[in-house]
Protein backbone atom coordinates (compact mmCIF):
# COMPACT_ATOMS: atom_id res chain seq x y z
CA MET A 1 84.28 115.35 76.55
CA SER A 2 81.78 116.54 79.15
CA LYS A 3 81.12 119.66 77.08
CA LEU A 4 80.16 117.52 74.09
CA LEU A 5 77.67 115.57 76.18
CA ASN A 6 75.98 118.51 77.91
CA LYS A 7 72.22 118.95 77.96
CA GLU A 8 72.10 121.70 75.35
CA ASN A 9 74.04 119.64 72.81
CA PHE A 10 71.78 116.66 73.55
CA LEU A 11 68.70 118.68 72.57
CA GLN A 12 70.38 119.96 69.40
CA VAL A 13 71.42 116.44 68.35
CA ILE A 14 67.89 115.07 68.83
CA LEU A 15 66.33 117.81 66.70
CA LEU A 16 69.08 117.54 64.09
CA LEU A 17 68.56 113.79 63.73
CA VAL A 18 64.83 114.21 63.06
CA ALA A 19 65.39 117.06 60.61
CA MET A 20 67.99 115.03 58.71
CA ALA A 21 65.82 111.88 58.70
CA LEU A 22 62.86 113.76 57.22
CA SER A 23 65.11 115.46 54.70
CA ILE A 24 66.43 112.05 53.62
CA ASP A 25 62.85 110.85 53.23
CA ILE A 26 62.14 113.82 50.95
CA TRP A 27 65.27 113.05 48.91
CA LEU A 28 64.24 109.39 48.56
CA PHE A 29 60.82 110.43 47.35
CA LEU A 30 62.21 112.87 44.78
CA LYS A 31 64.87 110.48 43.47
CA GLN A 32 63.28 107.05 43.79
CA GLN A 33 59.61 107.60 44.75
CA ALA A 34 60.51 105.74 47.97
CA SER A 35 60.36 106.41 51.71
CA LEU A 36 62.19 105.50 54.92
CA CYS A 37 58.98 103.77 56.00
CA THR A 38 58.18 100.96 53.57
CA THR A 39 55.33 99.24 55.43
CA SER A 40 51.89 98.87 53.86
CA ASP A 41 50.34 100.68 56.84
CA CYS A 42 52.43 103.76 56.06
CA GLN A 43 51.30 103.76 52.45
CA VAL A 44 47.63 103.41 53.43
CA VAL A 45 47.84 106.15 56.08
CA GLY A 46 49.29 108.51 53.46
CA GLN A 47 46.06 108.27 51.48
CA TYR A 48 44.18 110.02 54.29
CA VAL A 49 46.38 113.12 54.33
CA ARG A 50 44.45 115.87 52.55
CA LEU A 51 47.49 117.41 50.81
CA GLY A 52 49.42 114.17 50.50
CA ALA A 53 51.86 112.34 52.76
CA HIS A 54 54.86 113.91 51.01
CA PHE A 55 53.60 117.41 51.83
CA LEU A 56 53.33 116.40 55.49
CA VAL A 57 56.95 115.18 55.48
CA VAL A 58 58.12 118.45 53.92
CA VAL A 59 56.27 120.49 56.56
CA GLY A 60 57.81 118.28 59.28
CA ALA A 61 61.33 118.74 57.92
CA VAL A 62 60.94 122.52 57.73
CA PHE A 63 59.53 122.54 61.27
CA PHE A 64 62.47 120.61 62.75
CA TRP A 65 65.11 122.59 60.85
CA ILE A 66 63.60 125.85 62.15
CA LEU A 67 63.34 124.41 65.66
CA TRP A 68 66.95 123.22 65.55
CA ALA A 69 68.13 126.66 64.32
CA ILE A 70 66.32 128.46 67.17
CA VAL A 71 67.81 126.06 69.74
CA PHE A 72 71.25 126.55 68.15
CA PHE A 73 71.07 130.32 68.67
CA ALA A 74 69.35 130.01 72.05
CA CYS A 75 72.27 127.94 73.36
CA ARG A 76 74.72 130.68 72.37
CA TYR A 77 72.91 133.95 73.05
CA LYS A 78 70.92 133.01 76.20
CA ARG A 79 67.91 135.10 75.29
CA PRO A 80 64.69 134.12 77.14
CA PHE A 81 62.45 134.77 74.11
CA LEU A 82 64.41 132.20 72.09
CA TRP A 83 63.80 129.46 74.67
CA ASN A 84 60.17 130.52 74.97
CA SER A 85 59.88 130.18 71.18
CA VAL A 86 61.37 126.68 71.39
CA MET A 87 58.85 125.71 74.06
CA VAL A 88 55.90 127.03 72.05
CA LEU A 89 57.04 125.20 68.90
CA ILE A 90 57.58 121.91 70.71
CA PHE A 91 54.19 122.16 72.44
CA GLY A 92 52.53 122.89 69.08
CA GLY A 93 54.38 120.00 67.45
CA LEU A 94 53.28 117.63 70.22
CA ALA A 95 49.64 118.66 69.81
CA PHE A 96 49.84 118.22 66.03
CA ASP A 97 51.58 114.84 66.20
CA GLY A 98 49.25 113.65 68.95
CA VAL A 99 46.27 114.23 66.65
CA LEU A 100 47.97 112.41 63.75
CA LEU A 101 48.98 109.39 65.83
CA GLY A 102 45.60 109.27 67.57
CA TYR A 103 43.73 109.32 64.27
CA GLN A 104 45.90 106.50 62.95
CA ALA A 105 45.45 104.44 66.11
CA PHE A 106 41.72 104.94 66.74
CA GLY A 107 40.35 106.01 63.36
CA LEU A 108 42.29 103.84 60.93
CA ASN A 109 43.64 101.07 63.19
CA LEU A 110 46.94 101.50 61.36
CA GLN A 111 50.33 102.87 62.27
CA CYS A 112 52.89 104.76 60.19
CA TYR A 113 56.30 104.08 61.71
CA LEU A 114 57.71 107.33 60.35
CA CYS A 115 55.03 109.31 62.20
CA LEU A 116 55.62 107.18 65.29
CA GLY A 117 59.36 107.85 65.12
CA VAL A 118 58.82 111.58 64.77
CA GLY A 119 56.47 111.55 67.76
CA LEU A 120 58.97 109.57 69.85
CA PHE A 121 61.84 111.95 69.07
CA LEU A 122 59.58 114.93 69.73
CA LEU A 123 58.88 113.54 73.20
CA ILE A 124 62.62 112.98 73.72
CA GLY A 125 63.13 116.57 72.57
CA LEU A 126 60.58 117.65 75.17
CA GLY A 127 62.61 115.83 77.80
CA GLY A 128 65.74 117.57 76.53
CA LEU A 129 64.03 120.96 76.76
CA ALA A 130 62.88 120.25 80.32
CA TRP A 131 66.46 119.23 81.16
CA VAL A 132 67.89 122.42 79.66
CA ARG A 133 65.36 124.63 81.41
CA GLN A 134 65.56 122.52 84.58
CA SER A 135 61.77 122.50 84.77
CA LEU A 136 59.64 119.43 85.41
CA LEU A 137 56.59 121.57 84.67
CA VAL A 138 57.68 121.95 81.03
CA PHE A 139 57.77 118.17 80.62
CA VAL A 140 54.42 117.69 82.37
CA LEU A 141 52.71 120.37 80.25
CA GLY A 142 54.12 118.98 77.01
CA GLY A 143 53.15 115.45 77.96
CA ALA A 144 49.62 116.57 78.85
CA ILE A 145 49.23 118.32 75.48
CA PHE A 146 50.39 115.24 73.60
CA LEU A 147 48.26 112.77 75.60
CA GLY A 148 45.22 115.05 75.41
CA SER A 149 45.31 115.40 71.62
CA PHE A 150 46.12 111.70 71.19
CA SER A 151 43.43 110.33 73.51
CA ALA A 152 40.70 112.71 72.27
CA ASN A 153 40.58 110.62 69.09
CA ALA A 154 39.33 107.66 71.15
CA LEU A 155 36.07 109.53 71.81
CA LEU A 156 35.33 110.31 68.18
CA VAL A 157 33.59 108.18 65.55
CA PHE A 158 35.55 108.06 62.30
CA HIS A 159 34.31 107.22 58.82
CA PRO A 160 37.39 107.28 56.59
CA ASN A 161 35.53 105.22 53.97
CA PRO A 162 32.07 106.65 53.19
CA PRO A 163 29.39 103.99 52.64
CA GLN A 164 28.26 103.07 49.14
CA LEU A 165 25.11 104.77 47.84
CA LYS A 166 23.15 101.55 47.48
CA GLU A 167 23.90 100.73 51.13
CA ILE A 168 22.21 103.86 52.45
CA ALA A 169 18.89 103.70 50.58
CA PHE A 170 16.01 102.71 52.87
CA CYS A 171 13.96 101.56 49.86
CA ASN A 172 14.28 101.26 46.09
CA ARG A 173 12.36 100.46 42.93
CA GLN A 174 14.14 98.65 40.14
CA ALA A 175 13.49 99.09 36.42
CA LYS A 176 12.52 96.06 34.33
CA ASP A 177 15.99 96.00 32.82
CA SER A 178 17.78 97.00 36.01
CA VAL A 179 21.23 95.95 34.82
CA THR A 180 21.42 98.38 31.92
CA SER A 181 19.28 101.16 33.44
CA ASP A 182 20.70 104.28 35.09
CA ASP A 183 20.72 104.51 38.89
CA TYR A 184 18.99 107.50 40.53
CA PHE A 185 19.77 108.26 44.19
CA LEU A 186 17.40 110.84 45.71
CA PHE A 187 18.25 112.46 49.07
CA PHE A 188 15.25 114.04 50.75
CA SER A 189 13.74 115.12 54.04
CA PHE A 190 10.14 115.15 55.25
CA ARG A 191 10.67 118.74 56.39
CA CYS A 192 11.80 120.04 52.99
CA ALA A 193 9.20 121.77 50.77
CA HIS A 194 11.38 121.49 47.66
CA CYS A 195 11.76 117.76 48.31
CA THR A 196 7.95 117.53 48.32
CA GLU A 197 7.84 119.15 44.88
CA VAL A 198 10.29 116.59 43.50
CA LEU A 199 8.46 113.66 45.11
CA VAL A 200 5.04 114.81 43.83
CA ASN A 201 6.30 115.10 40.27
CA LEU A 202 8.08 111.76 40.38
CA ALA A 203 4.94 110.11 41.76
CA LYS A 204 2.85 111.55 38.89
CA ASN A 205 5.34 110.84 36.07
CA LYS A 206 6.33 107.31 37.20
CA PRO A 207 9.87 107.30 35.79
CA TRP A 208 10.28 103.53 36.00
CA HIS A 209 12.87 103.13 33.23
CA GLY A 210 15.48 103.95 35.86
CA ASN A 211 16.52 102.31 39.12
CA TRP A 212 15.40 104.59 41.96
CA TYR A 213 17.02 104.57 45.41
CA LEU A 214 15.41 106.74 48.08
CA ILE A 215 17.60 108.11 50.84
CA SER A 216 16.40 110.07 53.86
CA ILE A 217 18.58 112.22 56.11
CA ASP A 218 15.88 112.68 58.78
CA ASN A 219 17.58 111.52 61.97
CA THR A 220 14.82 112.62 64.38
CA ARG A 221 12.72 109.95 66.06
CA GLN A 222 9.61 111.31 64.36
CA GLY A 223 11.26 111.26 60.95
CA MET A 224 12.46 107.68 61.32
CA MET A 225 9.00 106.56 62.45
CA LYS A 226 7.65 108.02 59.22
CA LEU A 227 10.20 105.99 57.26
CA ALA A 228 9.08 102.88 59.13
CA ARG A 229 5.49 103.54 58.03
CA VAL A 230 6.66 104.00 54.44
CA ILE A 231 8.35 100.60 54.27
CA ASP A 232 5.19 98.99 55.74
CA SER A 233 3.00 100.46 53.00
CA PRO A 234 1.54 98.05 50.40
CA LEU A 235 2.15 100.73 47.74
CA LEU A 236 5.91 100.76 48.31
CA LYS A 237 6.87 98.34 45.54
CA LYS A 238 4.47 99.82 43.00
CA ASN A 239 5.19 103.53 43.51
CA PRO A 240 7.42 104.35 46.54
CA PHE A 241 6.90 108.10 46.14
CA ILE A 242 3.17 107.83 47.03
CA PRO A 243 3.58 106.33 50.54
CA ILE A 244 6.29 108.90 51.28
CA LEU A 245 3.91 111.72 50.37
CA LYS A 246 1.03 110.15 52.32
CA VAL A 247 3.11 109.74 55.45
CA LYS A 248 4.47 113.27 55.04
CA SER A 249 0.94 114.72 54.92
CA GLN A 250 -0.15 113.00 58.15
CA LYS A 251 -0.23 115.52 60.99
CA LYS A 252 -0.65 113.04 63.84
CA SER A 253 0.06 109.33 64.00
CA GLU A 254 0.56 106.65 66.59
CA PRO A 255 4.12 105.80 67.65
CA ILE A 256 5.68 102.88 65.81
CA ALA A 257 8.81 100.82 66.36
CA VAL A 258 11.73 101.88 64.18
CA PRO A 259 13.65 98.93 62.68
CA ASP A 260 17.42 98.89 63.10
CA THR A 261 17.75 98.90 59.31
CA ILE A 262 16.07 102.31 59.15
CA GLN A 263 18.31 103.77 61.84
CA GLU A 264 21.41 102.39 60.14
CA SER A 265 20.27 103.70 56.76
CA VAL A 266 19.77 107.25 58.06
CA LYS A 267 23.07 107.15 59.94
CA LYS A 268 25.01 106.06 56.85
CA ALA A 269 23.14 108.58 54.69
CA ARG A 270 24.22 111.46 56.91
CA VAL A 271 27.80 110.18 56.94
CA TYR A 272 27.82 110.01 53.14
CA PHE A 273 26.21 113.45 52.86
CA SER A 274 28.76 114.99 55.21
CA CYS A 275 31.84 113.21 53.84
CA HIS A 276 31.14 114.50 50.34
CA GLY A 277 30.56 118.07 51.48
CA TYR A 278 26.89 118.27 50.43
CA ARG A 279 24.92 121.03 52.12
CA SER A 280 21.44 121.15 50.59
CA ILE A 281 18.49 118.99 49.58
CA PRO A 282 16.82 117.77 47.48
CA LEU A 283 19.90 116.12 46.04
CA LEU A 284 19.86 113.72 43.11
CA ILE A 285 22.91 111.65 42.17
CA VAL A 286 22.75 109.82 38.85
CA HIS A 287 25.04 106.95 37.87
CA SER A 288 24.72 106.43 34.12
CA GLY A 289 27.68 104.12 33.57
CA PRO A 290 31.14 103.24 34.84
CA ASN A 291 32.67 106.34 36.48
CA LYS A 292 29.86 108.55 35.14
CA GLU A 293 28.19 110.52 37.92
CA VAL A 294 25.92 113.56 37.78
CA VAL A 295 25.14 115.49 40.98
CA LEU A 296 22.08 117.76 40.97
CA HIS A 297 21.15 120.20 43.75
CA GLY A 298 17.69 121.71 44.12
CA SER A 299 14.32 121.04 42.50
CA GLU A 300 14.97 123.23 39.44
CA SER A 301 18.18 121.49 38.35
CA ILE A 302 16.60 118.09 39.04
CA ALA A 303 13.52 118.98 36.99
CA LYS A 304 15.62 120.21 34.06
CA TYR A 305 17.80 117.10 34.04
CA LEU A 306 14.89 114.66 34.25
CA TRP A 307 13.05 116.56 31.50
CA GLU A 308 16.08 116.37 29.20
CA LYS A 309 16.46 112.66 29.94
CA GLY A 310 12.78 112.05 29.12
CA MET A 311 12.03 110.86 32.65
CA VAL A 312 9.17 113.34 33.16
CA GLU A 313 6.52 114.77 30.80
CA LYS A 314 5.06 117.48 33.03
CA TRP A 315 6.49 119.25 36.05
CA LEU A 316 4.33 121.04 38.61
CA ASP A 317 5.93 123.96 40.41
CA LEU A 318 4.56 123.81 43.97
CA ASN A 319 6.72 126.57 45.48
């Protein structure tokens, strides 16, 4: 009886239970599109896994079956490299699971009980490994890796849901028939020469049969002060491109208070820009109907599109 309850068998049983549980979850998904974890939190968390929650479960099952197999042979052949391999795999698994659980806790404010269960059994497995190796240091190192990767998420700012485009515009000009008109979202920077070309041509052509939303990604203090001057301009409602160009051309100007709305707009704009993987400006996003979006990068592609849509009659090449 004592042989069945020894420390090496304890570690094998723990790893085998997790491997079997994840394998059952895979079987449930394949047969019934179900899971061992049926909570709404688990379903929501799965939406934030890049390759899908099911892929993550498959990777976890393979990981624990391999880990169990190495422990199985390590218990019988007493080779140091096998136990070292077990330690490396468990440490890596703790770091990986710590990141997942930390993101759920601090980034999403949700908790997948399947992930929590895997993390708990991985920590128990760490205790089993420390017991087998008779080393408190192994347990302390593994615990530090897990806590470090878990708690690091508390220091990060997460934006799992990018803001809506209309939320991030610092100013806009609506068409007369704004309900049926297309929406044009222009990302620009005061420091971008190609953005200047687009702004100059829009100011001259006055494309007012579309709803225009202007979005700046200038997060410097100087850039946001320029935006504050733009929204104070009396020309803003008539032709918002003109005050932007006037402020851009000013070499020196007195400091001005930056409203919180401007700061929030720029912050959300950069989040949106980053979350969607955009890398260059000027950027024009056009919404021409339900689920119809056109994304245009650079002044040339923007000019061609606006010409074809009849939004501009002449286009000056300033570069």
